Amino acid sequence: MMLTRVADGLYWIGRYVERAEHTARLADVMLNASLDHSDSAAETARIALKAIGDPKVMAARGTPFEAAMDLAFDREGISSIVTSLAQARENARQMRDQITTEMWEQLNALYLDITGPGSRLAFDQGSSSFLHRMVAGLHLFKGASEATMSHGEGWRYLSLGAFLERAQLIARLLDAAFGKPSAGDTERDHLVQVSLLRMACALEPYLRAHTSDIKPALILEFLLFNKEFPRSIRFTTARIEEHARALSQHAETAGASAPERLAGRLSALLEFTDGSDLATNGASEILRTVTLECGRIHEAIHDTFVAYPIERRLPA
């Protein structure tokens, strides 16, 4: 069985890397939309900043460029790219022997890139290029973890953290766009809907499924229930259940563990709910449920795999 500090560190590396990528993408889409100086741009910025959920950024948003600068470089921001990368790197440094050289080198290079003396100047001169480089670098880290790390217990903690973070982030993004009481502008504005899909890295996969028929109901259904798109909430919750079940076997829990039960319940909800339920009940209820259940799964993971009583693992 893996040491609890190692399991916890790998789990949080997965979460912080996913958070950094999401923030970089939202900042990039917001900046691109702001070039238009229109109501669509203002609505896109509102969705992006509300989805980030960082009250410090919301309170001092200023211009979209200033908000994006804070999202990238504010060391006190809980969701900023630099904070997420610093936390991921520190966890990786403490368990250097548990990850591969390729993973460490890529994560370290990203951290040095965003904290280097020329990073702010590079952002000023080409913010979109800078943010694209961050996203591409984080994709390289994820690729390195998939291709070079043994797919055992440690890899499952890393993946579990990433998928749980992703489910919460996508739910928060959809709630910012379609949740009450501010869904009206999103539902009427084609450019805002395109920007929303780009924020979820879903524009091209969505168009392959629905061609050019971009509608709020179809966007919600795709990002909630599509079983093949890796950023849909249904896909992520299925992976959360899969990793929680496998880790329960490693932990030798009696029967299904609390994380496995909670993840299975959430996965079943997403599997057996469809667009007709959204039309009847609206999106807010299921998005609120996803967010709350993900929080409970996180707490159960900590209680079951990290902060459990020592007597639970002692031989009888």
C-alpha atoms as a PDB file:
ATOM      1  CA  MET A   1       0.000   0.000   0.000  1.00  0.00           C
ATOM      2  CA  MET A   2       1.257   3.505  -0.837  1.00  0.00           C
ATOM      3  CA  LEU A   3       2.272   5.974   1.879  1.00  0.00           C
ATOM      4  CA  THR A   4      -0.527   8.416   2.601  1.00  0.00           C
ATOM      5  CA  ARG A   5       1.646  11.502   2.033  1.00  0.00           C
ATOM      6  CA  VAL A   6       2.617  10.162  -1.390  1.00  0.00           C
ATOM      7  CA  ALA A   7      -0.995   9.382  -2.295  1.00  0.00           C
ATOM      8  CA  ASP A   8      -2.101  12.828  -1.148  1.00  0.00           C
ATOM      9  CA  GLY A   9       0.727  14.549  -3.046  1.00  0.00           C
ATOM     10  CA  LEU A  10       0.000  12.768  -6.323  1.00  0.00           C
ATOM     11  CA  TYR A  11      -3.716  13.440  -5.957  1.00  0.00           C
ATOM     12  CA  TRP A  12      -3.050  17.164  -5.543  1.00  0.00           C
ATOM     13  CA  ILE A  13      -0.591  17.290  -8.433  1.00  0.00           C
ATOM     14  CA  GLY A  14      -3.417  16.023 -10.638  1.00  0.00           C
ATOM     15  CA  ARG A  15      -5.792  18.656  -9.298  1.00  0.00           C
ATOM     16  CA  TYR A  16      -3.380  21.584  -9.561  1.00  0.00           C
ATOM     17  CA  VAL A  17      -2.279  20.742 -13.100  1.00  0.00           C
ATOM     18  CA  GLU A  18      -5.900  20.478 -14.236  1.00  0.00           C
ATOM     19  CA  ARG A  19      -6.702  23.785 -12.530  1.00  0.00           C
ATOM     20  CA  ALA A  20      -3.770  25.581 -14.151  1.00  0.00           C
ATOM     21  CA  GLU A  21      -4.778  24.388 -17.616  1.00  0.00           C
ATOM     22  CA  HIS A  22      -8.411  25.402 -17.121  1.00  0.00           C
ATOM     23  CA  THR A  23      -7.471  28.874 -15.889  1.00  0.00           C
ATOM     24  CA  ALA A  24      -5.081  29.418 -18.791  1.00  0.00           C
ATOM     25  CA  ARG A  25      -7.748  28.440 -21.313  1.00  0.00           C
ATOM     26  CA  LEU A  26     -10.441  30.635 -19.770  1.00  0.00           C
ATOM     27  CA  ALA A  27      -8.071  33.606 -19.672  1.00  0.00           C
ATOM     28  CA  ASP A  28      -7.133  33.077 -23.313  1.00  0.00           C
ATOM     29  CA  VAL A  29     -10.748  32.828 -24.514  1.00  0.00           C
ATOM     30  CA  MET A  30     -11.674  35.908 -22.487  1.00  0.00           C
ATOM     31  CA  LEU A  31      -8.834  37.930 -24.019  1.00  0.00           C
ATOM     32  CA  ASN A  32      -9.704  36.846 -27.542  1.00  0.00           C
ATOM     33  CA  ALA A  33     -13.356  37.779 -27.040  1.00  0.00           C
ATOM     34  CA  SER A  34     -12.385  41.178 -25.605  1.00  0.00           C
ATOM     35  CA  LEU A  35     -10.877  42.228 -28.949  1.00  0.00           C
ATOM     36  CA  ASP A  36     -14.443  42.775 -30.170  1.00  0.00           C
ATOM     37  CA  HIS A  37     -15.417  45.389 -27.504  1.00  0.00           C
ATOM     38  CA  SER A  38     -19.017  44.168 -27.613  1.00  0.00           C
ATOM     39  CA  ASP A  39     -21.705  42.896 -25.263  1.00  0.00           C
ATOM     40  CA  SER A  40     -20.663  39.377 -26.255  1.00  0.00           C
ATOM     41  CA  ALA A  41     -17.149  40.080 -24.997  1.00  0.00           C
ATOM     42  CA  ALA A  42     -18.470  41.415 -21.698  1.00  0.00           C
ATOM     43  CA  GLU A  43     -20.669  38.341 -21.233  1.00  0.00           C
ATOM     44  CA  THR A  44     -17.760  36.014 -22.058  1.00  0.00           C
ATOM     45  CA  ALA A  45     -15.598  37.785 -19.474  1.00  0.00           C
ATOM     46  CA  ARG A  46     -18.375  37.506 -16.887  1.00  0.00           C
ATOM     47  CA  ILE A  47     -18.702  33.769 -17.459  1.00  0.00           C
ATOM     48  CA  ALA A  48     -14.947  33.203 -17.333  1.00  0.00           C
ATOM     49  CA  LEU A  49     -14.400  35.150 -14.127  1.00  0.00           C
ATOM     50  CA  LYS A  50     -17.442  33.676 -12.391  1.00  0.00           C
ATOM     51  CA  ALA A  51     -16.342  30.174 -13.405  1.00  0.00           C
ATOM     52  CA  ILE A  52     -12.890  30.760 -11.904  1.00  0.00           C
ATOM     53  CA  GLY A  53     -14.589  31.421  -8.589  1.00  0.00           C
ATOM     54  CA  ASP A  54     -11.697  33.441  -7.142  1.00  0.00           C
ATOM     55  CA  PRO A  55     -13.265  36.376  -5.205  1.00  0.00           C
ATOM     56  CA  LYS A  56     -10.018  38.375  -5.378  1.00  0.00           C
ATOM     57  CA  VAL A  57     -10.067  38.375  -9.191  1.00  0.00           C
ATOM     58  CA  MET A  58     -13.788  39.116  -9.288  1.00  0.00           C
ATOM     59  CA  ALA A  59     -13.420  42.104  -6.956  1.00  0.00           C
ATOM     60  CA  ALA A  60     -10.515  43.678  -8.879  1.00  0.00           C
ATOM     61  CA  ARG A  61     -11.334  42.592 -12.411  1.00  0.00           C
ATOM     62  CA  GLY A  62     -10.502  45.922 -14.173  1.00  0.00           C
ATOM     63  CA  THR A  63     -10.054  45.359 -17.900  1.00  0.00           C
ATOM     64  CA  PRO A  64     -10.040  41.832 -19.342  1.00  0.00           C
ATOM     65  CA  PHE A  65      -6.276  42.163 -19.879  1.00  0.00           C
ATOM     66  CA  GLU A  66      -5.720  43.098 -16.226  1.00  0.00           C
ATOM     67  CA  ALA A  67      -7.967  40.229 -15.103  1.00  0.00           C
ATOM     68  CA  ALA A  68      -6.047  37.798 -17.324  1.00  0.00           C
ATOM     69  CA  MET A  69      -2.751  39.110 -15.942  1.00  0.00           C
ATOM     70  CA  ASP A  70      -3.984  38.398 -12.418  1.00  0.00           C
ATOM     71  CA  LEU A  71      -5.177  34.935 -13.432  1.00  0.00           C
ATOM     72  CA  ALA A  72      -1.687  34.205 -14.720  1.00  0.00           C
ATOM     73  CA  PHE A  73       0.656  35.841 -12.195  1.00  0.00           C
ATOM     74  CA  ASP A  74      -1.156  36.615  -8.932  1.00  0.00           C
ATOM     75  CA  ARG A  75       0.608  34.488  -6.300  1.00  0.00           C
ATOM     76  CA  GLU A  76      -2.192  35.139  -3.813  1.00  0.00           C
ATOM     77  CA  GLY A  77      -4.924  34.003  -6.199  1.00  0.00           C
ATOM     78  CA  ILE A  78      -6.178  30.558  -5.297  1.00  0.00           C
ATOM     79  CA  SER A  79      -6.835  29.647  -8.937  1.00  0.00           C
ATOM     80  CA  SER A  80      -4.047  31.532 -10.707  1.00  0.00           C
ATOM     81  CA  ILE A  81      -1.749  29.651 -13.049  1.00  0.00           C
ATOM     82  CA  VAL A  82       1.384  30.514 -11.076  1.00  0.00           C
ATOM     83  CA  THR A  83      -0.177  29.403  -7.764  1.00  0.00           C
ATOM     84  CA  SER A  84      -1.375  26.112  -9.235  1.00  0.00           C
ATOM     85  CA  LEU A  85       1.972  25.381 -10.888  1.00  0.00           C
ATOM     86  CA  ALA A  86       3.897  26.296  -7.737  1.00  0.00           C
ATOM     87  CA  GLN A  87       1.760  23.949  -5.645  1.00  0.00           C
ATOM     88  CA  ALA A  88       2.002  21.127  -8.196  1.00  0.00           C
ATOM     89  CA  ARG A  89       5.782  21.547  -8.458  1.00  0.00           C
ATOM     90  CA  GLU A  90       6.241  21.580  -4.678  1.00  0.00           C
ATOM     91  CA  ASN A  91       4.266  18.354  -4.326  1.00  0.00           C
ATOM     92  CA  ALA A  92       6.288  16.820  -7.157  1.00  0.00           C
ATOM     93  CA  ARG A  93       9.577  17.953  -5.562  1.00  0.00           C
ATOM     94  CA  GLN A  94       8.688  16.243  -2.306  1.00  0.00           C
ATOM     95  CA  MET A  95       8.060  12.922  -4.058  1.00  0.00           C
ATOM     96  CA  ARG A  96      10.536  13.121  -6.884  1.00  0.00           C
ATOM     97  CA  ASP A  97      11.134   9.366  -6.665  1.00  0.00           C
ATOM     98  CA  GLN A  98       7.455   8.628  -7.352  1.00  0.00           C
ATOM     99  CA  ILE A  99       7.194  10.399 -10.714  1.00  0.00           C
ATOM    100  CA  THR A 100       9.263  10.066 -13.875  1.00  0.00           C
ATOM    101  CA  THR A 101      12.062  12.335 -15.039  1.00  0.00           C
ATOM    102  CA  GLU A 102       9.960  13.419 -18.021  1.00  0.00           C
ATOM    103  CA  MET A 103       7.111  14.518 -15.747  1.00  0.00           C
ATOM    104  CA  TRP A 104       9.396  16.438 -13.402  1.00  0.00           C
ATOM    105  CA  GLU A 105      11.301  18.189 -16.186  1.00  0.00           C
ATOM    106  CA  GLN A 106       8.113  19.339 -17.908  1.00  0.00           C
ATOM    107  CA  LEU A 107       6.477  20.592 -14.712  1.00  0.00           C
ATOM    108  CA  ASN A 108       9.668  22.327 -13.608  1.00  0.00           C
ATOM    109  CA  ALA A 109      10.088  23.972 -17.028  1.00  0.00           C
ATOM    110  CA  LEU A 110       6.539  25.359 -16.868  1.00  0.00           C
ATOM    111  CA  TYR A 111       7.120  26.756 -13.393  1.00  0.00           C
ATOM    112  CA  LEU A 112      10.385  28.402 -14.418  1.00  0.00           C
ATOM    113  CA  ASP A 113       8.700  29.813 -17.524  1.00  0.00           C
ATOM    114  CA  ILE A 114       5.912  31.558 -15.620  1.00  0.00           C
ATOM    115  CA  THR A 115       8.134  32.754 -12.744  1.00  0.00           C
ATOM    116  CA  GLY A 116      11.109  33.842 -14.868  1.00  0.00           C
ATOM    117  CA  PRO A 117      12.209  37.494 -15.034  1.00  0.00           C
ATOM    118  CA  GLY A 118      10.877  37.898 -18.579  1.00  0.00           C
ATOM    119  CA  SER A 119       7.494  36.242 -18.069  1.00  0.00           C
ATOM    120  CA  ARG A 120       5.429  39.407 -17.582  1.00  0.00           C
ATOM    121  CA  LEU A 121       7.077  41.078 -20.551  1.00  0.00           C
ATOM    122  CA  ALA A 122       6.335  37.996 -22.662  1.00  0.00           C
ATOM    123  CA  PHE A 123       2.698  38.211 -21.546  1.00  0.00           C
ATOM    124  CA  ASP A 124       2.544  41.927 -22.408  1.00  0.00           C
ATOM    125  CA  GLN A 125       3.980  41.335 -25.862  1.00  0.00           C
ATOM    126  CA  GLY A 126       1.832  38.320 -26.707  1.00  0.00           C
ATOM    127  CA  SER A 127      -0.674  37.219 -24.068  1.00  0.00           C
ATOM    128  CA  SER A 128      -2.376  34.693 -26.329  1.00  0.00           C
ATOM    129  CA  SER A 129       0.919  33.058 -27.305  1.00  0.00           C
ATOM    130  CA  PHE A 130       1.970  32.937 -23.652  1.00  0.00           C
ATOM    131  CA  LEU A 131      -1.275  31.284 -22.537  1.00  0.00           C
ATOM    132  CA  HIS A 132      -1.194  28.850 -25.473  1.00  0.00           C
ATOM    133  CA  ARG A 133       2.311  27.860 -24.383  1.00  0.00           C
ATOM    134  CA  MET A 134       1.073  27.200 -20.865  1.00  0.00           C
ATOM    135  CA  VAL A 135      -1.793  25.013 -22.079  1.00  0.00           C
ATOM    136  CA  ALA A 136       0.454  23.113 -24.505  1.00  0.00           C
ATOM    137  CA  GLY A 137       3.043  22.561 -21.780  1.00  0.00           C
ATOM    138  CA  LEU A 138       0.426  21.198 -19.393  1.00  0.00           C
ATOM    139  CA  HIS A 139      -0.782  18.854 -22.129  1.00  0.00           C
ATOM    140  CA  LEU A 140       2.804  17.635 -22.475  1.00  0.00           C
ATOM    141  CA  PHE A 141       2.930  16.937 -18.738  1.00  0.00           C
ATOM    142  CA  LYS A 142      -0.285  14.926 -18.933  1.00  0.00           C
ATOM    143  CA  GLY A 143       1.041  13.044 -21.943  1.00  0.00           C
ATOM    144  CA  ALA A 144       4.257  12.274 -20.094  1.00  0.00           C
ATOM    145  CA  SER A 145       2.331  10.945 -17.106  1.00  0.00           C
ATOM    146  CA  GLU A 146       0.267   8.669 -19.351  1.00  0.00           C
ATOM    147  CA  ALA A 147       3.208   7.452 -21.421  1.00  0.00           C
ATOM    148  CA  THR A 148       6.024   7.169 -18.855  1.00  0.00           C
ATOM    149  CA  MET A 149       4.439   6.498 -15.440  1.00  0.00           C
ATOM    150  CA  SER A 150       3.465   2.972 -14.452  1.00  0.00           C
ATOM    151  CA  HIS A 151      -0.314   2.720 -14.393  1.00  0.00           C
ATOM    152  CA  GLY A 152      -0.444   1.504 -10.832  1.00  0.00           C
ATOM    153  CA  GLU A 153      -1.628   2.975  -7.557  1.00  0.00           C
ATOM    154  CA  GLY A 154       0.279   6.264  -7.848  1.00  0.00           C
ATOM    155  CA  TRP A 155      -0.962   6.940 -11.376  1.00  0.00           C
ATOM    156  CA  ARG A 156      -4.525   6.316 -10.215  1.00  0.00           C
ATOM    157  CA  TYR A 157      -4.237   8.934  -7.458  1.00  0.00           C
ATOM    158  CA  LEU A 158      -2.855  11.404  -9.995  1.00  0.00           C
ATOM    159  CA  SER A 159      -5.685  10.652 -12.442  1.00  0.00           C
ATOM    160  CA  LEU A 160      -8.354  10.681  -9.732  1.00  0.00           C
ATOM    161  CA  GLY A 161      -7.312  14.180  -8.699  1.00  0.00           C
ATOM    162  CA  ALA A 162      -7.330  15.411 -12.295  1.00  0.00           C
ATOM    163  CA  PHE A 163     -10.770  14.013 -13.136  1.00  0.00           C
ATOM    164  CA  LEU A 164     -12.366  15.201  -9.898  1.00  0.00           C
ATOM    165  CA  GLU A 165     -11.008  18.710 -10.468  1.00  0.00           C
ATOM    166  CA  ARG A 166     -12.206  18.644 -14.083  1.00  0.00           C
ATOM    167  CA  ALA A 167     -15.749  17.616 -13.137  1.00  0.00           C
ATOM    168  CA  GLN A 168     -16.003  20.492 -10.662  1.00  0.00           C
ATOM    169  CA  LEU A 169     -14.520  23.022 -13.078  1.00  0.00           C
ATOM    170  CA  ILE A 170     -16.837  22.095 -15.953  1.00  0.00           C
ATOM    171  CA  ALA A 171     -19.867  22.109 -13.646  1.00  0.00           C
ATOM    172  CA  ARG A 172     -18.879  25.566 -12.386  1.00  0.00           C
ATOM    173  CA  LEU A 173     -18.387  26.791 -15.952  1.00  0.00           C
ATOM    174  CA  LEU A 174     -21.809  25.563 -17.051  1.00  0.00           C
ATOM    175  CA  ASP A 175     -23.433  27.033 -13.967  1.00  0.00           C
ATOM    176  CA  ALA A 176     -21.793  30.409 -14.675  1.00  0.00           C
ATOM    177  CA  ALA A 177     -23.210  30.303 -18.203  1.00  0.00           C
ATOM    178  CA  PHE A 178     -26.618  28.694 -17.753  1.00  0.00           C
ATOM    179  CA  GLY A 179     -27.401  28.799 -14.059  1.00  0.00           C
ATOM    180  CA  LYS A 180     -30.020  31.158 -12.726  1.00  0.00           C
ATOM    181  CA  PRO A 181     -30.451  34.091 -12.793  1.00  0.00           C
ATOM    182  CA  SER A 182     -27.964  35.116 -15.506  1.00  0.00           C
ATOM    183  CA  ALA A 183     -28.459  32.613 -18.309  1.00  0.00           C
ATOM    184  CA  GLY A 184     -30.370  34.888 -20.659  1.00  0.00           C
ATOM    185  CA  ASP A 185     -27.472  36.517 -22.510  1.00  0.00           C
ATOM    186  CA  THR A 186     -25.689  33.200 -22.999  1.00  0.00           C
ATOM    187  CA  GLU A 187     -28.775  31.565 -24.446  1.00  0.00           C
ATOM    188  CA  ARG A 188     -29.305  34.368 -26.957  1.00  0.00           C
ATOM    189  CA  ASP A 189     -25.734  35.101 -28.081  1.00  0.00           C
ATOM    190  CA  HIS A 190     -24.083  32.814 -30.637  1.00  0.00           C
ATOM    191  CA  LEU A 191     -20.583  34.219 -30.048  1.00  0.00           C
ATOM    192  CA  VAL A 192     -20.868  33.642 -26.306  1.00  0.00           C
ATOM    193  CA  GLN A 193     -21.912  30.040 -26.939  1.00  0.00           C
ATOM    194  CA  VAL A 194     -18.877  29.498 -29.189  1.00  0.00           C
ATOM    195  CA  SER A 195     -16.628  31.031 -26.517  1.00  0.00           C
ATOM    196  CA  LEU A 196     -18.176  28.737 -23.905  1.00  0.00           C
ATOM    197  CA  LEU A 197     -17.354  25.677 -25.997  1.00  0.00           C
ATOM    198  CA  ARG A 198     -13.792  26.930 -26.429  1.00  0.00           C
ATOM    199  CA  MET A 199     -13.465  27.393 -22.660  1.00  0.00           C
ATOM    200  CA  ALA A 200     -14.309  23.714 -22.249  1.00  0.00           C
ATOM    201  CA  CYS A 201     -11.958  22.731 -25.104  1.00  0.00           C
ATOM    202  CA  ALA A 202     -15.086  21.346 -26.741  1.00  0.00           C
ATOM    203  CA  LEU A 203     -15.702  23.359 -29.900  1.00  0.00           C
ATOM    204  CA  GLU A 204     -14.340  20.891 -32.451  1.00  0.00           C
ATOM    205  CA  PRO A 205     -15.714  17.747 -30.732  1.00  0.00           C
ATOM    206  CA  TYR A 206     -19.117  19.456 -30.438  1.00  0.00           C
ATOM    207  CA  LEU A 207     -19.149  20.442 -34.119  1.00  0.00           C
ATOM    208  CA  ARG A 208     -18.305  16.871 -35.116  1.00  0.00           C
ATOM    209  CA  ALA A 209     -21.347  15.712 -33.165  1.00  0.00           C
ATOM    210  CA  HIS A 210     -23.781  18.503 -34.125  1.00  0.00           C
ATOM    211  CA  THR A 211     -22.190  20.216 -37.182  1.00  0.00           C
ATOM    212  CA  SER A 212     -22.977  23.945 -37.043  1.00  0.00           C
ATOM    213  CA  ASP A 213     -26.113  23.603 -34.918  1.00  0.00           C
ATOM    214  CA  ILE A 214     -24.905  25.506 -31.840  1.00  0.00           C
ATOM    215  CA  LYS A 215     -27.729  25.737 -29.310  1.00  0.00           C
ATOM    216  CA  PRO A 216     -27.659  26.119 -25.518  1.00  0.00           C
ATOM    217  CA  ALA A 217     -29.632  22.916 -24.938  1.00  0.00           C
ATOM    218  CA  LEU A 218     -27.250  20.907 -27.117  1.00  0.00           C
ATOM    219  CA  ILE A 219     -24.194  22.460 -25.454  1.00  0.00           C
ATOM    220  CA  LEU A 220     -25.507  21.512 -22.027  1.00  0.00           C
ATOM    221  CA  GLU A 221     -26.367  18.005 -23.144  1.00  0.00           C
ATOM    222  CA  PHE A 222     -22.952  17.521 -24.776  1.00  0.00           C
ATOM    223  CA  LEU A 223     -20.894  18.774 -21.822  1.00  0.00           C
ATOM    224  CA  LEU A 224     -23.020  16.957 -19.278  1.00  0.00           C
ATOM    225  CA  PHE A 225     -23.899  13.617 -20.856  1.00  0.00           C
ATOM    226  CA  ASN A 226     -21.604  12.772 -23.767  1.00  0.00           C
ATOM    227  CA  LYS A 227     -19.942   9.482 -22.849  1.00  0.00           C
ATOM    228  CA  GLU A 228     -16.988   9.813 -25.249  1.00  0.00           C
ATOM    229  CA  PHE A 229     -15.806  13.408 -24.806  1.00  0.00           C
ATOM    230  CA  PRO A 230     -13.113  13.412 -22.067  1.00  0.00           C
ATOM    231  CA  ARG A 231     -14.233  16.739 -20.607  1.00  0.00           C
ATOM    232  CA  SER A 232     -17.917  15.938 -20.285  1.00  0.00           C
ATOM    233  CA  ILE A 233     -19.109  15.460 -16.731  1.00  0.00           C
ATOM    234  CA  ARG A 234     -20.458  11.983 -17.516  1.00  0.00           C
ATOM    235  CA  PHE A 235     -17.060  10.876 -18.841  1.00  0.00           C
ATOM    236  CA  THR A 236     -15.164  12.337 -15.891  1.00  0.00           C
ATOM    237  CA  THR A 237     -17.473  10.842 -13.257  1.00  0.00           C
ATOM    238  CA  ALA A 238     -17.144   7.416 -14.877  1.00  0.00           C
ATOM    239  CA  ARG A 239     -13.346   7.719 -14.604  1.00  0.00           C
ATOM    240  CA  ILE A 240     -13.628   8.897 -10.987  1.00  0.00           C
ATOM    241  CA  GLU A 241     -15.659   5.790 -10.162  1.00  0.00           C
ATOM    242  CA  GLU A 242     -13.170   3.564 -12.004  1.00  0.00           C
ATOM    243  CA  HIS A 243     -10.144   4.932 -10.140  1.00  0.00           C
ATOM    244  CA  ALA A 244     -11.918   4.988  -6.759  1.00  0.00           C
ATOM    245  CA  ARG A 245     -12.882   1.329  -7.167  1.00  0.00           C
ATOM    246  CA  ALA A 246      -9.330   0.294  -8.056  1.00  0.00           C
ATOM    247  CA  LEU A 247      -7.845   2.278  -5.160  1.00  0.00           C
ATOM    248  CA  SER A 248     -10.328   0.709  -2.741  1.00  0.00           C
ATOM    249  CA  GLN A 249      -8.862  -2.678  -3.658  1.00  0.00           C
ATOM    250  CA  HIS A 250      -5.342  -1.391  -2.960  1.00  0.00           C
ATOM    251  CA  ALA A 251      -6.483  -0.016   0.383  1.00  0.00           C
ATOM    252  CA  GLU A 252      -8.126  -3.349   1.255  1.00  0.00           C
ATOM    253  CA  THR A 253     -11.307  -1.721   2.525  1.00  0.00           C
ATOM    254  CA  ALA A 254     -14.150  -3.958   3.606  1.00  0.00           C
ATOM    255  CA  GLY A 255     -16.671  -3.810   0.778  1.00  0.00           C
ATOM    256  CA  ALA A 256     -17.107  -0.714  -1.333  1.00  0.00           C
ATOM    257  CA  SER A 257     -15.311   2.313   0.103  1.00  0.00           C
ATOM    258  CA  ALA A 258     -17.046   5.644   0.683  1.00  0.00           C
ATOM    259  CA  PRO A 259     -15.364   7.261  -2.361  1.00  0.00           C
ATOM    260  CA  GLU A 260     -16.408   4.330  -4.554  1.00  0.00           C
ATOM    261  CA  ARG A 261     -20.033   4.470  -3.367  1.00  0.00           C
ATOM    262  CA  LEU A 262     -20.309   8.231  -3.790  1.00  0.00           C
ATOM    263  CA  ALA A 263     -18.614   8.167  -7.191  1.00  0.00           C
ATOM    264  CA  GLY A 264     -20.838   5.307  -8.340  1.00  0.00           C
ATOM    265  CA  ARG A 265     -23.947   7.196  -7.318  1.00  0.00           C
ATOM    266  CA  LEU A 266     -22.853  10.329  -9.171  1.00  0.00           C
ATOM    267  CA  SER A 267     -21.829   8.339 -12.240  1.00  0.00           C
ATOM    268  CA  ALA A 268     -25.220   6.608 -12.304  1.00  0.00           C
ATOM    269  CA  LEU A 269     -26.993   9.962 -12.067  1.00  0.00           C
ATOM    270  CA  LEU A 270     -25.139  11.231 -15.138  1.00  0.00           C
ATOM    271  CA  GLU A 271     -25.649   7.968 -17.020  1.00  0.00           C
ATOM    272  CA  PHE A 272     -29.409   7.817 -16.531  1.00  0.00           C
ATOM    273  CA  THR A 273     -30.248  11.510 -16.860  1.00  0.00           C
ATOM    274  CA  ASP A 274     -30.680  13.045 -20.301  1.00  0.00           C
ATOM    275  CA  GLY A 275     -31.702  16.173 -22.142  1.00  0.00           C
ATOM    276  CA  SER A 276     -35.403  15.705 -21.458  1.00  0.00           C
ATOM    277  CA  ASP A 277     -34.720  15.958 -17.708  1.00  0.00           C
ATOM    278  CA  LEU A 278     -32.876  19.227 -18.299  1.00  0.00           C
ATOM    279  CA  ALA A 279     -35.835  20.580 -20.239  1.00  0.00           C
ATOM    280  CA  THR A 280     -38.129  19.720 -17.317  1.00  0.00           C
ATOM    281  CA  ASN A 281     -36.005  20.669 -14.313  1.00  0.00           C
ATOM    282  CA  GLY A 282     -33.403  23.062 -15.724  1.00  0.00           C
ATOM    283  CA  ALA A 283     -29.638  22.820 -15.481  1.00  0.00           C
ATOM    284  CA  SER A 284     -29.081  24.446 -12.087  1.00  0.00           C
ATOM    285  CA  GLU A 285     -30.256  21.496 -10.022  1.00  0.00           C
ATOM    286  CA  ILE A 286     -28.048  18.854 -11.622  1.00  0.00           C
ATOM    287  CA  LEU A 287     -25.031  21.180 -11.755  1.00  0.00           C
ATOM    288  CA  ARG A 288     -25.456  21.966  -8.063  1.00  0.00           C
ATOM    289  CA  THR A 289     -25.700  18.230  -7.355  1.00  0.00           C
ATOM    290  CA  VAL A 290     -22.505  17.514  -9.308  1.00  0.00           C
ATOM    291  CA  THR A 291     -20.626  20.214  -7.408  1.00  0.00           C
ATOM    292  CA  LEU A 292     -21.837  19.050  -3.999  1.00  0.00           C
ATOM    293  CA  GLU A 293     -21.197  15.365  -4.722  1.00  0.00           C
ATOM    294  CA  CYS A 294     -17.691  16.093  -5.993  1.00  0.00           C
ATOM    295  CA  GLY A 295     -17.014  17.892  -2.707  1.00  0.00           C
ATOM    296  CA  ARG A 296     -18.239  14.857  -0.783  1.00  0.00           C
ATOM    297  CA  ILE A 297     -16.089  12.528  -2.888  1.00  0.00           C
ATOM    298  CA  HIS A 298     -13.048  14.705  -2.164  1.00  0.00           C
ATOM    299  CA  GLU A 299     -13.722  14.527   1.583  1.00  0.00           C
ATOM    300  CA  ALA A 300     -14.251  10.764   1.389  1.00  0.00           C
ATOM    301  CA  ILE A 301     -10.968  10.306  -0.500  1.00  0.00           C
ATOM    302  CA  HIS A 302      -9.136  12.205   2.241  1.00  0.00           C
ATOM    303  CA  ASP A 303     -10.833  10.264   5.042  1.00  0.00           C
ATOM    304  CA  THR A 304     -10.414   6.869   3.369  1.00  0.00           C
ATOM    305  CA  PHE A 305      -6.964   7.039   1.797  1.00  0.00           C
ATOM    306  CA  VAL A 306      -5.107   9.810   3.652  1.00  0.00           C
ATOM    307  CA  ALA A 307      -6.361  10.589   7.167  1.00  0.00           C
ATOM    308  CA  TYR A 308      -7.720   7.179   8.201  1.00  0.00           C
ATOM    309  CA  PRO A 309      -7.132   5.834  11.750  1.00  0.00           C
ATOM    310  CA  ILE A 310      -3.973   3.718  11.954  1.00  0.00           C
ATOM    311  CA  GLU A 311      -5.971   0.897  13.556  1.00  0.00           C
ATOM    312  CA  ARG A 312      -7.758   0.379  10.240  1.00  0.00           C
ATOM    313  CA  ARG A 313      -4.554  -0.855   8.594  1.00  0.00           C
ATOM    314  CA  LEU A 314      -3.160  -2.882  11.493  1.00  0.00           C
ATOM    315  CA  PRO A 315      -3.515  -6.678  11.264  1.00  0.00           C
ATOM    316  CA  ALA A 316      -6.232  -8.113  13.475  1.00  0.00           C
END
